[in-house]
Amino acid sequence: MSNTILALINIFTMVTQLLIWGLVVWAISSWLVAFNIVNVSNPVVRAILNGLDRIYAPMVRPIRRVLPDFGGVDLSPAVLWLVLAGLQQLVPALVLDTGLLLK
């Protein structure tokens, strides 16, 4: 049982790390599009950007509703990054502190 829980903790940690890296790529790609460095008329680029947008836009939408308007600066990806990083540390610590591995 403890090996299964450790494996689930590792999978959770890897998935949150993957989400964090994807969030960084999404944020940087949005800047590149905003400054006309990336050509969005390319179908491959458009598909990648649409895929990233479909993953991360629903995650930042509730954060954008709560955050005040900062005049064109979007801090919701940074808040999502903090939430994901916090969950990545908090969930394994809670599982280990509850003693589920001892059973």
PDB file of N, CA and C in Angstrom:
ATOM      1  N   MET A   1       0.814  -1.195   0.000  1.00  0.00           N
ATOM      2  CA  MET A   1       0.000   0.000   0.000  1.00  0.00           C
ATOM      3  C   MET A   1       0.856   1.258   0.000  1.00  0.00           C
ATOM      4  N   SER A   2       1.934   1.270   0.762  1.00  0.00           N
ATOM      5  CA  SER A   2       2.762   2.470   0.841  1.00  0.00           C
ATOM      6  C   SER A   2       3.482   2.732  -0.477  1.00  0.00           C
ATOM      7  N   ASN A   3       3.849   1.666  -1.200  1.00  0.00           N
ATOM      8  CA  ASN A   3       4.478   1.864  -2.502  1.00  0.00           C
ATOM      9  C   ASN A   3       3.490   2.475  -3.488  1.00  0.00           C
ATOM     10  N   THR A   4       2.235   2.083  -3.398  1.00  0.00           N
ATOM     11  CA  THR A   4       1.212   2.645  -4.273  1.00  0.00           C
ATOM     12  C   THR A   4       1.012   4.127  -3.979  1.00  0.00           C
ATOM     13  N   ILE A   5       0.978   4.485  -2.713  1.00  0.00           N
ATOM     14  CA  ILE A   5       0.798   5.891  -2.341  1.00  0.00           C
ATOM     15  C   ILE A   5       2.014   6.710  -2.761  1.00  0.00           C
ATOM     16  N   LEU A   6       3.209   6.167  -2.578  1.00  0.00           N
ATOM     17  CA  LEU A   6       4.411   6.866  -3.031  1.00  0.00           C
ATOM     18  C   LEU A   6       4.406   7.055  -4.540  1.00  0.00           C
ATOM     19  N   ALA A   7       3.956   6.049  -5.266  1.00  0.00           N
ATOM     20  CA  ALA A   7       3.871   6.169  -6.719  1.00  0.00           C
ATOM     21  C   ALA A   7       2.861   7.239  -7.117  1.00  0.00           C
ATOM     22  N   LEU A   8       1.726   7.289  -6.431  1.00  0.00           N
ATOM     23  CA  LEU A   8       0.728   8.320  -6.725  1.00  0.00           C
ATOM     24  C   LEU A   8       1.248   9.722  -6.398  1.00  0.00           C
ATOM     25  N   ILE A   9       2.002   9.843  -5.317  1.00  0.00           N
ATOM     26  CA  ILE A   9       2.610  11.129  -4.976  1.00  0.00           C
ATOM     27  C   ILE A   9       3.591  11.544  -6.059  1.00  0.00           C
ATOM     28  N   ASN A  10       4.400  10.605  -6.530  1.00  0.00           N
ATOM     29  CA  ASN A  10       5.352  10.917  -7.593  1.00  0.00           C
ATOM     30  C   ASN A  10       4.646  11.321  -8.883  1.00  0.00           C
ATOM     31  N   ILE A  11       3.574  10.634  -9.224  1.00  0.00           N
ATOM     32  CA  ILE A  11       2.812  10.980 -10.429  1.00  0.00           C
ATOM     33  C   ILE A  11       2.205  12.369 -10.279  1.00  0.00           C
ATOM     34  N   PHE A  12       1.637  12.663  -9.117  1.00  0.00           N
ATOM     35  CA  PHE A  12       1.067  13.987  -8.868  1.00  0.00           C
ATOM     36  C   PHE A  12       2.135  15.065  -9.003  1.00  0.00           C
ATOM     37  N   THR A  13       3.301  14.827  -8.447  1.00  0.00           N
ATOM     38  CA  THR A  13       4.395  15.795  -8.519  1.00  0.00           C
ATOM     39  C   THR A  13       4.831  16.009  -9.962  1.00  0.00           C
ATOM     40  N   MET A  14       4.931  14.936 -10.730  1.00  0.00           N
ATOM     41  CA  MET A  14       5.330  15.064 -12.132  1.00  0.00           C
ATOM     42  C   MET A  14       4.285  15.801 -12.958  1.00  0.00           C
ATOM     43  N   VAL A  15       3.010  15.524 -12.712  1.00  0.00           N
ATOM     44  CA  VAL A  15       1.939  16.196 -13.466  1.00  0.00           C
ATOM     45  C   VAL A  15       1.921  17.691 -13.135  1.00  0.00           C
ATOM     46  N   THR A  16       2.062  18.042 -11.861  1.00  0.00           N
ATOM     47  CA  THR A  16       2.078  19.462 -11.520  1.00  0.00           C
ATOM     48  C   THR A  16       3.313  20.151 -12.099  1.00  0.00           C
ATOM     49  N   GLN A  17       4.439  19.465 -12.128  1.00  0.00           N
ATOM     50  CA  GLN A  17       5.644  20.055 -12.728  1.00  0.00           C
ATOM     51  C   GLN A  17       5.459  20.255 -14.225  1.00  0.00           C
ATOM     52  N   LEU A  18       4.813  19.299 -14.878  1.00  0.00           N
ATOM     53  CA  LEU A  18       4.516  19.425 -16.303  1.00  0.00           C
ATOM     54  C   LEU A  18       3.564  20.597 -16.549  1.00  0.00           C
ATOM     55  N   LEU A  19       2.573  20.760 -15.691  1.00  0.00           N
ATOM     56  CA  LEU A  19       1.657  21.891 -15.809  1.00  0.00           C
ATOM     57  C   LEU A  19       2.385  23.221 -15.617  1.00  0.00           C
ATOM     58  N   ILE A  20       3.318  23.258 -14.693  1.00  0.00           N
ATOM     59  CA  ILE A  20       4.075  24.490 -14.455  1.00  0.00           C
ATOM     60  C   ILE A  20       4.915  24.843 -15.679  1.00  0.00           C
ATOM     61  N   TRP A  21       5.612  23.859 -16.248  1.00  0.00           N
ATOM     62  CA  TRP A  21       6.425  24.130 -17.438  1.00  0.00           C
ATOM     63  C   TRP A  21       5.556  24.522 -18.623  1.00  0.00           C
ATOM     64  N   GLY A  22       4.417  23.879 -18.776  1.00  0.00           N
ATOM     65  CA  GLY A  22       3.495  24.254 -19.845  1.00  0.00           C
ATOM     66  C   GLY A  22       2.974  25.665 -19.664  1.00  0.00           C
ATOM     67  N   LEU A  23       2.739  26.056 -18.422  1.00  0.00           N
ATOM     68  CA  LEU A  23       2.292  27.414 -18.124  1.00  0.00           C
ATOM     69  C   LEU A  23       3.354  28.433 -18.526  1.00  0.00           C
ATOM     70  N   VAL A  24       4.600  28.124 -18.266  1.00  0.00           N
ATOM     71  CA  VAL A  24       5.693  29.017 -18.662  1.00  0.00           C
ATOM     72  C   VAL A  24       5.745  29.141 -20.183  1.00  0.00           C
ATOM     73  N   VAL A  25       5.620  28.012 -20.877  1.00  0.00           N
ATOM     74  CA  VAL A  25       5.623  28.036 -22.348  1.00  0.00           C
ATOM     75  C   VAL A  25       4.435  28.837 -22.867  1.00  0.00           C
ATOM     76  N   TRP A  26       3.268  28.659 -22.254  1.00  0.00           N
ATOM     77  CA  TRP A  26       2.068  29.392 -22.668  1.00  0.00           C
ATOM     78  C   TRP A  26       2.247  30.896 -22.487  1.00  0.00           C
ATOM     79  N   ALA A  27       2.797  31.298 -21.357  1.00  0.00           N
ATOM     80  CA  ALA A  27       2.998  32.727 -21.090  1.00  0.00           C
ATOM     81  C   ALA A  27       4.007  33.327 -22.062  1.00  0.00           C
ATOM     82  N   ILE A  28       5.116  32.645 -22.278  1.00  0.00           N
ATOM     83  CA  ILE A  28       6.140  33.166 -23.194  1.00  0.00           C
ATOM     84  C   ILE A  28       5.611  33.209 -24.624  1.00  0.00           C
ATOM     85  N   SER A  29       4.865  32.183 -25.020  1.00  0.00           N
ATOM     86  CA  SER A  29       4.319  32.185 -26.384  1.00  0.00           C
ATOM     87  C   SER A  29       3.305  33.306 -26.569  1.00  0.00           C
ATOM     88  N   SER A  30       2.549  33.637 -25.526  1.00  0.00           N
ATOM     89  CA  SER A  30       1.605  34.750 -25.659  1.00  0.00           C
ATOM     90  C   SER A  30       2.343  36.074 -25.821  1.00  0.00           C
ATOM     91  N   TRP A  31       3.490  36.214 -25.162  1.00  0.00           N
ATOM     92  CA  TRP A  31       4.293  37.418 -25.350  1.00  0.00           C
ATOM     93  C   TRP A  31       4.857  37.482 -26.768  1.00  0.00           C
ATOM     94  N   LEU A  32       5.321  36.334 -27.257  1.00  0.00           N
ATOM     95  CA  LEU A  32       5.880  36.297 -28.613  1.00  0.00           C
ATOM     96  C   LEU A  32       4.823  36.637 -29.658  1.00  0.00           C
ATOM     97  N   VAL A  33       3.602  36.203 -29.443  1.00  0.00           N
ATOM     98  CA  VAL A  33       2.512  36.546 -30.357  1.00  0.00           C
ATOM     99  C   VAL A  33       2.177  38.034 -30.237  1.00  0.00           C
ATOM    100  N   ALA A  34       2.161  38.552 -29.018  1.00  0.00           N
ATOM    101  CA  ALA A  34       1.810  39.957 -28.805  1.00  0.00           C
ATOM    102  C   ALA A  34       2.821  40.898 -29.458  1.00  0.00           C
ATOM    103  N   PHE A  35       4.082  40.510 -29.499  1.00  0.00           N
ATOM    104  CA  PHE A  35       5.120  41.346 -30.099  1.00  0.00           C
ATOM    105  C   PHE A  35       5.395  40.987 -31.558  1.00  0.00           C
ATOM    106  N   ASN A  36       4.523  40.187 -32.162  1.00  0.00           N
ATOM    107  CA  ASN A  36       4.627  39.778 -33.574  1.00  0.00           C
ATOM    108  C   ASN A  36       5.952  39.105 -33.908  1.00  0.00           C
ATOM    109  N   ILE A  37       6.470  38.332 -32.981  1.00  0.00           N
ATOM    110  CA  ILE A  37       7.683  37.567 -33.238  1.00  0.00           C
ATOM    111  C   ILE A  37       7.319  36.207 -33.825  1.00  0.00           C
ATOM    112  N   VAL A  38       6.201  35.662 -33.401  1.00  0.00           N
ATOM    113  CA  VAL A  38       5.729  34.365 -33.881  1.00  0.00           C
ATOM    114  C   VAL A  38       4.604  34.601 -34.879  1.00  0.00           C
ATOM    115  N   ASN A  39       4.678  33.902 -36.000  1.00  0.00           N
ATOM    116  CA  ASN A  39       3.675  34.021 -37.048  1.00  0.00           C
ATOM    117  C   ASN A  39       2.538  33.047 -36.768  1.00  0.00           C
ATOM    118  N   VAL A  40       1.379  33.568 -36.413  1.00  0.00           N
ATOM    119  CA  VAL A  40       0.252  32.706 -36.070  1.00  0.00           C
ATOM    120  C   VAL A  40      -0.488  32.185 -37.297  1.00  0.00           C
ATOM    121  N   SER A  41      -0.094  32.612 -38.484  1.00  0.00           N
ATOM    122  CA  SER A  41      -0.731  32.071 -39.689  1.00  0.00           C
ATOM    123  C   SER A  41      -0.190  30.691 -40.049  1.00  0.00           C
ATOM    124  N   ASN A  42       0.909  30.281 -39.425  1.00  0.00           N
ATOM    125  CA  ASN A  42       1.444  28.937 -39.621  1.00  0.00           C
ATOM    126  C   ASN A  42       0.522  27.938 -38.909  1.00  0.00           C
ATOM    127  N   PRO A  43       0.034  26.912 -39.619  1.00  0.00           N
ATOM    128  CA  PRO A  43      -0.925  25.988 -38.997  1.00  0.00           C
ATOM    129  C   PRO A  43      -0.369  25.222 -37.794  1.00  0.00           C
ATOM    130  N   VAL A  44       0.909  24.891 -37.814  1.00  0.00           N
ATOM    131  CA  VAL A  44       1.504  24.153 -36.694  1.00  0.00           C
ATOM    132  C   VAL A  44       1.571  25.044 -35.459  1.00  0.00           C
ATOM    133  N   VAL A  45       2.015  26.272 -35.660  1.00  0.00           N
ATOM    134  CA  VAL A  45       2.102  27.221 -34.546  1.00  0.00           C
ATOM    135  C   VAL A  45       0.710  27.499 -33.995  1.00  0.00           C
ATOM    136  N   ARG A  46      -0.249  27.683 -34.884  1.00  0.00           N
ATOM    137  CA  ARG A  46      -1.623  27.954 -34.455  1.00  0.00           C
ATOM    138  C   ARG A  46      -2.182  26.784 -33.656  1.00  0.00           C
ATOM    139  N   ALA A  47      -1.889  25.550 -34.099  1.00  0.00           N
ATOM    140  CA  ALA A  47      -2.372  24.374 -33.378  1.00  0.00           C
ATOM    141  C   ALA A  47      -1.750  24.275 -31.985  1.00  0.00           C
ATOM    142  N   ILE A  48      -0.470  24.552 -31.881  1.00  0.00           N
ATOM    143  CA  ILE A  48       0.201  24.506 -30.574  1.00  0.00           C
ATOM    144  C   ILE A  48      -0.367  25.572 -29.646  1.00  0.00           C
ATOM    145  N   LEU A  49      -0.527  26.790 -30.165  1.00  0.00           N
ATOM    146  CA  LEU A  49      -1.064  27.876 -29.342  1.00  0.00           C
ATOM    147  C   LEU A  49      -2.505  27.606 -28.927  1.00  0.00           C
ATOM    148  N   ASN A  50      -3.310  27.058 -29.840  1.00  0.00           N
ATOM    149  CA  ASN A  50      -4.694  26.719 -29.486  1.00  0.00           C
ATOM    150  C   ASN A  50      -4.739  25.613 -28.429  1.00  0.00           C
ATOM    151  N   GLY A  51      -3.856  24.626 -28.553  1.00  0.00           N
ATOM    152  CA  GLY A  51      -3.808  23.557 -27.554  1.00  0.00           C
ATOM    153  C   GLY A  51      -3.434  24.077 -26.176  1.00  0.00           C
ATOM    154  N   LEU A  52      -2.404  24.923 -26.129  1.00  0.00           N
ATOM    155  CA  LEU A  52      -2.008  25.512 -24.849  1.00  0.00           C
ATOM    156  C   LEU A  52      -3.112  26.395 -24.279  1.00  0.00           C
ATOM    157  N   ASP A  53      -3.778  27.133 -25.158  1.00  0.00           N
ATOM    158  CA  ASP A  53      -4.858  28.001 -24.698  1.00  0.00           C
ATOM    159  C   ASP A  53      -6.032  27.191 -24.158  1.00  0.00           C
ATOM    160  N   ARG A  54      -6.331  26.066 -24.768  1.00  0.00           N
ATOM    161  CA  ARG A  54      -7.429  25.221 -24.278  1.00  0.00           C
ATOM    162  C   ARG A  54      -7.109  24.590 -22.931  1.00  0.00           C
ATOM    163  N   ILE A  55      -5.833  24.387 -22.657  1.00  0.00           N
ATOM    164  CA  ILE A  55      -5.442  23.804 -21.373  1.00  0.00           C
ATOM    165  C   ILE A  55      -5.441  24.867 -20.270  1.00  0.00           C
ATOM    166  N   TYR A  56      -4.824  26.023 -20.542  1.00  0.00           N
ATOM    167  CA  TYR A  56      -4.560  26.981 -19.469  1.00  0.00           C
ATOM    168  C   TYR A  56      -5.594  28.087 -19.328  1.00  0.00           C
ATOM    169  N   ALA A  57      -6.333  28.415 -20.377  1.00  0.00           N
ATOM    170  CA  ALA A  57      -7.334  29.474 -20.261  1.00  0.00           C
ATOM    171  C   ALA A  57      -8.412  29.142 -19.223  1.00  0.00           C
ATOM    172  N   PRO A  58      -8.929  27.896 -19.173  1.00  0.00           N
ATOM    173  CA  PRO A  58      -9.907  27.608 -18.112  1.00  0.00           C
ATOM    174  C   PRO A  58      -9.319  27.669 -16.696  1.00  0.00           C
ATOM    175  N   MET A  59      -8.015  27.459 -16.575  1.00  0.00           N
ATOM    176  CA  MET A  59      -7.392  27.517 -15.252  1.00  0.00           C
ATOM    177  C   MET A  59      -7.229  28.952 -14.769  1.00  0.00           C
ATOM    178  N   VAL A  60      -6.930  29.878 -15.682  1.00  0.00           N
ATOM    179  CA  VAL A  60      -6.700  31.265 -15.261  1.00  0.00           C
ATOM    180  C   VAL A  60      -7.975  32.100 -15.264  1.00  0.00           C
ATOM    181  N   ARG A  61      -9.033  31.610 -15.886  1.00  0.00           N
ATOM    182  CA  ARG A  61     -10.283  32.386 -15.951  1.00  0.00           C
ATOM    183  C   ARG A  61     -10.829  32.736 -14.568  1.00  0.00           C
ATOM    184  N   PRO A  62     -10.919  31.793 -13.619  1.00  0.00           N
ATOM    185  CA  PRO A  62     -11.407  32.187 -12.284  1.00  0.00           C
ATOM    186  C   PRO A  62     -10.470  33.159 -11.569  1.00  0.00           C
ATOM    187  N   ILE A  63      -9.178  33.033 -11.824  1.00  0.00           N
ATOM    188  CA  ILE A  63      -8.209  33.939 -11.195  1.00  0.00           C
ATOM    189  C   ILE A  63      -8.374  35.340 -11.764  1.00  0.00           C
ATOM    190  N   ARG A  64      -8.618  35.448 -13.066  1.00  0.00           N
ATOM    191  CA  ARG A  64      -8.810  36.761 -13.695  1.00  0.00           C
ATOM    192  C   ARG A  64     -10.056  37.454 -13.167  1.00  0.00           C
ATOM    193  N   ARG A  65     -11.066  36.678 -12.808  1.00  0.00           N
ATOM    194  CA  ARG A  65     -12.286  37.283 -12.257  1.00  0.00           C
ATOM    195  C   ARG A  65     -12.042  37.894 -10.881  1.00  0.00           C
ATOM    196  N   VAL A  66     -11.138  37.316 -10.123  1.00  0.00           N
ATOM    197  CA  VAL A  66     -10.873  37.777  -8.760  1.00  0.00           C
ATOM    198  C   VAL A  66      -9.855  38.920  -8.735  1.00  0.00           C
ATOM    199  N   LEU A  67      -8.825  38.847  -9.595  1.00  0.00           N
ATOM    200  CA  LEU A  67      -7.776  39.865  -9.586  1.00  0.00           C
ATOM    201  C   LEU A  67      -8.307  41.197 -10.112  1.00  0.00           C
ATOM    202  N   PRO A  68      -7.840  42.293  -9.537  1.00  0.00           N
ATOM    203  CA  PRO A  68      -8.227  43.604 -10.076  1.00  0.00           C
ATOM    204  C   PRO A  68      -7.508  43.869 -11.402  1.00  0.00           C
ATOM    205  N   ASP A  69      -7.972  44.852 -12.137  1.00  0.00           N
ATOM    206  CA  ASP A  69      -7.361  45.225 -13.407  1.00  0.00           C
ATOM    207  C   ASP A  69      -6.073  45.995 -13.141  1.00  0.00           C
ATOM    208  N   PHE A  70      -4.973  45.514 -13.711  1.00  0.00           N
ATOM    209  CA  PHE A  70      -3.675  46.156 -13.519  1.00  0.00           C
ATOM    210  C   PHE A  70      -3.242  46.949 -14.751  1.00  0.00           C
ATOM    211  N   GLY A  71      -4.189  47.320 -15.594  1.00  0.00           N
ATOM    212  CA  GLY A  71      -3.875  48.156 -16.737  1.00  0.00           C
ATOM    213  C   GLY A  71      -3.097  47.459 -17.831  1.00  0.00           C
ATOM    214  N   GLY A  72      -3.558  46.335 -18.266  1.00  0.00           N
ATOM    215  CA  GLY A  72      -2.906  45.627 -19.364  1.00  0.00           C
ATOM    216  C   GLY A  72      -1.906  44.573 -18.934  1.00  0.00           C
ATOM    217  N   VAL A  73      -1.579  44.503 -17.671  1.00  0.00           N
ATOM    218  CA  VAL A  73      -0.655  43.492 -17.167  1.00  0.00           C
ATOM    219  C   VAL A  73      -1.487  42.356 -16.582  1.00  0.00           C
ATOM    220  N   ASP A  74      -1.277  41.161 -17.117  1.00  0.00           N
ATOM    221  CA  ASP A  74      -2.039  39.995 -16.667  1.00  0.00           C
ATOM    222  C   ASP A  74      -1.191  39.188 -15.684  1.00  0.00           C
ATOM    223  N   LEU A  75      -1.572  39.211 -14.432  1.00  0.00           N
ATOM    224  CA  LEU A  75      -0.830  38.485 -13.403  1.00  0.00           C
ATOM    225  C   LEU A  75      -1.428  37.112 -13.099  1.00  0.00           C
ATOM    226  N   SER A  76      -2.486  36.745 -13.800  1.00  0.00           N
ATOM    227  CA  SER A  76      -3.132  35.464 -13.510  1.00  0.00           C
ATOM    228  C   SER A  76      -2.226  34.253 -13.770  1.00  0.00           C
ATOM    229  N   PRO A  77      -1.353  34.233 -14.803  1.00  0.00           N
ATOM    230  CA  PRO A  77      -0.443  33.086 -14.915  1.00  0.00           C
ATOM    231  C   PRO A  77       0.519  32.975 -13.731  1.00  0.00           C
ATOM    232  N   ALA A  78       0.954  34.115 -13.197  1.00  0.00           N
ATOM    233  CA  ALA A  78       1.849  34.076 -12.036  1.00  0.00           C
ATOM    234  C   ALA A  78       1.122  33.537 -10.808  1.00  0.00           C
ATOM    235  N   VAL A  79      -0.139  33.917 -10.642  1.00  0.00           N
ATOM    236  CA  VAL A  79      -0.928  33.406  -9.524  1.00  0.00           C
ATOM    237  C   VAL A  79      -1.158  31.911  -9.696  1.00  0.00           C
ATOM    238  N   LEU A  80      -1.462  31.478 -10.922  1.00  0.00           N
ATOM    239  CA  LEU A  80      -1.640  30.044 -11.172  1.00  0.00           C
ATOM    240  C   LEU A  80      -0.352  29.287 -10.909  1.00  0.00           C
ATOM    241  N   TRP A  81       0.781  29.872 -11.273  1.00  0.00           N
ATOM    242  CA  TRP A  81       2.071  29.238 -11.004  1.00  0.00           C
ATOM    243  C   TRP A  81       2.279  29.067  -9.503  1.00  0.00           C
ATOM    244  N   LEU A  82       1.939  30.095  -8.733  1.00  0.00           N
ATOM    245  CA  LEU A  82       2.075  29.994  -7.278  1.00  0.00           C
ATOM    246  C   LEU A  82       1.153  28.924  -6.702  1.00  0.00           C
ATOM    247  N   VAL A  83      -0.058  28.849  -7.214  1.00  0.00           N
ATOM    248  CA  VAL A  83      -1.006  27.829  -6.739  1.00  0.00           C
ATOM    249  C   VAL A  83      -0.490  26.433  -7.070  1.00  0.00           C
ATOM    250  N   LEU A  84      -0.030  26.228  -8.298  1.00  0.00           N
ATOM    251  CA  LEU A  84       0.475  24.905  -8.684  1.00  0.00           C
ATOM    252  C   LEU A  84       1.721  24.530  -7.890  1.00  0.00           C
ATOM    253  N   ALA A  85       2.623  25.480  -7.700  1.00  0.00           N
ATOM    254  CA  ALA A  85       3.832  25.205  -6.917  1.00  0.00           C
ATOM    255  C   ALA A  85       3.486  24.914  -5.459  1.00  0.00           C
ATOM    256  N   GLY A  86       2.509  25.626  -4.937  1.00  0.00           N
ATOM    257  CA  GLY A  86       2.077  25.357  -3.567  1.00  0.00           C
ATOM    258  C   GLY A  86       1.445  23.989  -3.423  1.00  0.00           C
ATOM    259  N   LEU A  87       0.587  23.628  -4.377  1.00  0.00           N
ATOM    260  CA  LEU A  87      -0.022  22.292  -4.347  1.00  0.00           C
ATOM    261  C   LEU A  87       1.024  21.197  -4.498  1.00  0.00           C
ATOM    262  N   GLN A  88       2.028  21.463  -5.309  1.00  0.00           N
ATOM    263  CA  GLN A  88       3.085  20.474  -5.520  1.00  0.00           C
ATOM    264  C   GLN A  88       3.843  20.187  -4.224  1.00  0.00           C
ATOM    265  N   GLN A  89       3.937  21.172  -3.365  1.00  0.00           N
ATOM    266  CA  GLN A  89       4.606  20.969  -2.082  1.00  0.00           C
ATOM    267  C   GLN A  89       3.640  20.511  -0.993  1.00  0.00           C
ATOM    268  N   LEU A  90       2.416  21.022  -1.031  1.00  0.00           N
ATOM    269  CA  LEU A  90       1.464  20.797   0.050  1.00  0.00           C
ATOM    270  C   LEU A  90       0.875  19.385   0.039  1.00  0.00           C
ATOM    271  N   VAL A  91       0.454  18.909  -1.112  1.00  0.00           N
ATOM    272  CA  VAL A  91      -0.234  17.614  -1.173  1.00  0.00           C
ATOM    273  C   VAL A  91       0.664  16.464  -0.709  1.00  0.00           C
ATOM    274  N   PRO A  92       1.903  16.335  -1.210  1.00  0.00           N
ATOM    275  CA  PRO A  92       2.748  15.245  -0.678  1.00  0.00           C
ATOM    276  C   PRO A  92       3.031  15.387   0.814  1.00  0.00           C
ATOM    277  N   ALA A  93       3.203  16.618   1.289  1.00  0.00           N
ATOM    278  CA  ALA A  93       3.458  16.814   2.717  1.00  0.00           C
ATOM    279  C   ALA A  93       2.254  16.396   3.548  1.00  0.00           C
ATOM    280  N   LEU A  94       1.051  16.720   3.076  1.00  0.00           N
ATOM    281  CA  LEU A  94      -0.153  16.315   3.809  1.00  0.00           C
ATOM    282  C   LEU A  94      -0.310  14.800   3.824  1.00  0.00           C
ATOM    283  N   VAL A  95      -0.025  14.164   2.708  1.00  0.00           N
ATOM    284  CA  VAL A  95      -0.143  12.700   2.650  1.00  0.00           C
ATOM    285  C   VAL A  95       0.867  12.055   3.585  1.00  0.00           C
ATOM    286  N   LEU A  96       2.069  12.575   3.594  1.00  0.00           N
ATOM    287  CA  LEU A  96       3.091  12.013   4.473  1.00  0.00           C
ATOM    288  C   LEU A  96       2.795  12.291   5.945  1.00  0.00           C
ATOM    289  N   ASP A  97       2.248  13.463   6.253  1.00  0.00           N
ATOM    290  CA  ASP A  97       1.945  13.811   7.641  1.00  0.00           C
ATOM    291  C   ASP A  97       0.719  13.076   8.180  1.00  0.00           C
ATOM    292  N   THR A  98      -0.199  12.656   7.323  1.00  0.00           N
ATOM    293  CA  THR A  98      -1.375  11.958   7.812  1.00  0.00           C
ATOM    294  C   THR A  98      -1.066  10.531   8.217  1.00  0.00           C
ATOM    295  N   GLY A  99       0.072  10.026   7.847  1.00  0.00           N
ATOM    296  CA  GLY A  99       0.451   8.669   8.228  1.00  0.00           C
ATOM    297  C   GLY A  99      -0.113   7.598   7.328  1.00  0.00           C
ATOM    298  N   LEU A 100      -0.540   7.966   6.128  1.00  0.00           N
ATOM    299  CA  LEU A 100      -1.083   6.960   5.206  1.00  0.00           C
ATOM    300  C   LEU A 100      -0.026   5.955   4.750  1.00  0.00           C
ATOM    301  N   LEU A 101       1.235   6.344   4.825  1.00  0.00           N
ATOM    302  CA  LEU A 101       2.297   5.439   4.380  1.00  0.00           C
ATOM    303  C   LEU A 101       2.611   4.373   5.417  1.00  0.00           C
ATOM    304  N   LEU A 102       2.185   4.589   6.630  1.00  0.00           N
ATOM    305  CA  LEU A 102       2.496   3.625   7.694  1.00  0.00           C
ATOM    306  C   LEU A 102       1.549   2.428   7.664  1.00  0.00           C
ATOM    307  N   LYS A 103       0.421   2.566   7.012  1.00  0.00           N
ATOM    308  CA  LYS A 103      -0.589   1.496   7.034  1.00  0.00           C
ATOM    309  C   LYS A 103      -0.303   0.460   5.981  1.00  0.00           C
TER     310      LYS A 103
END
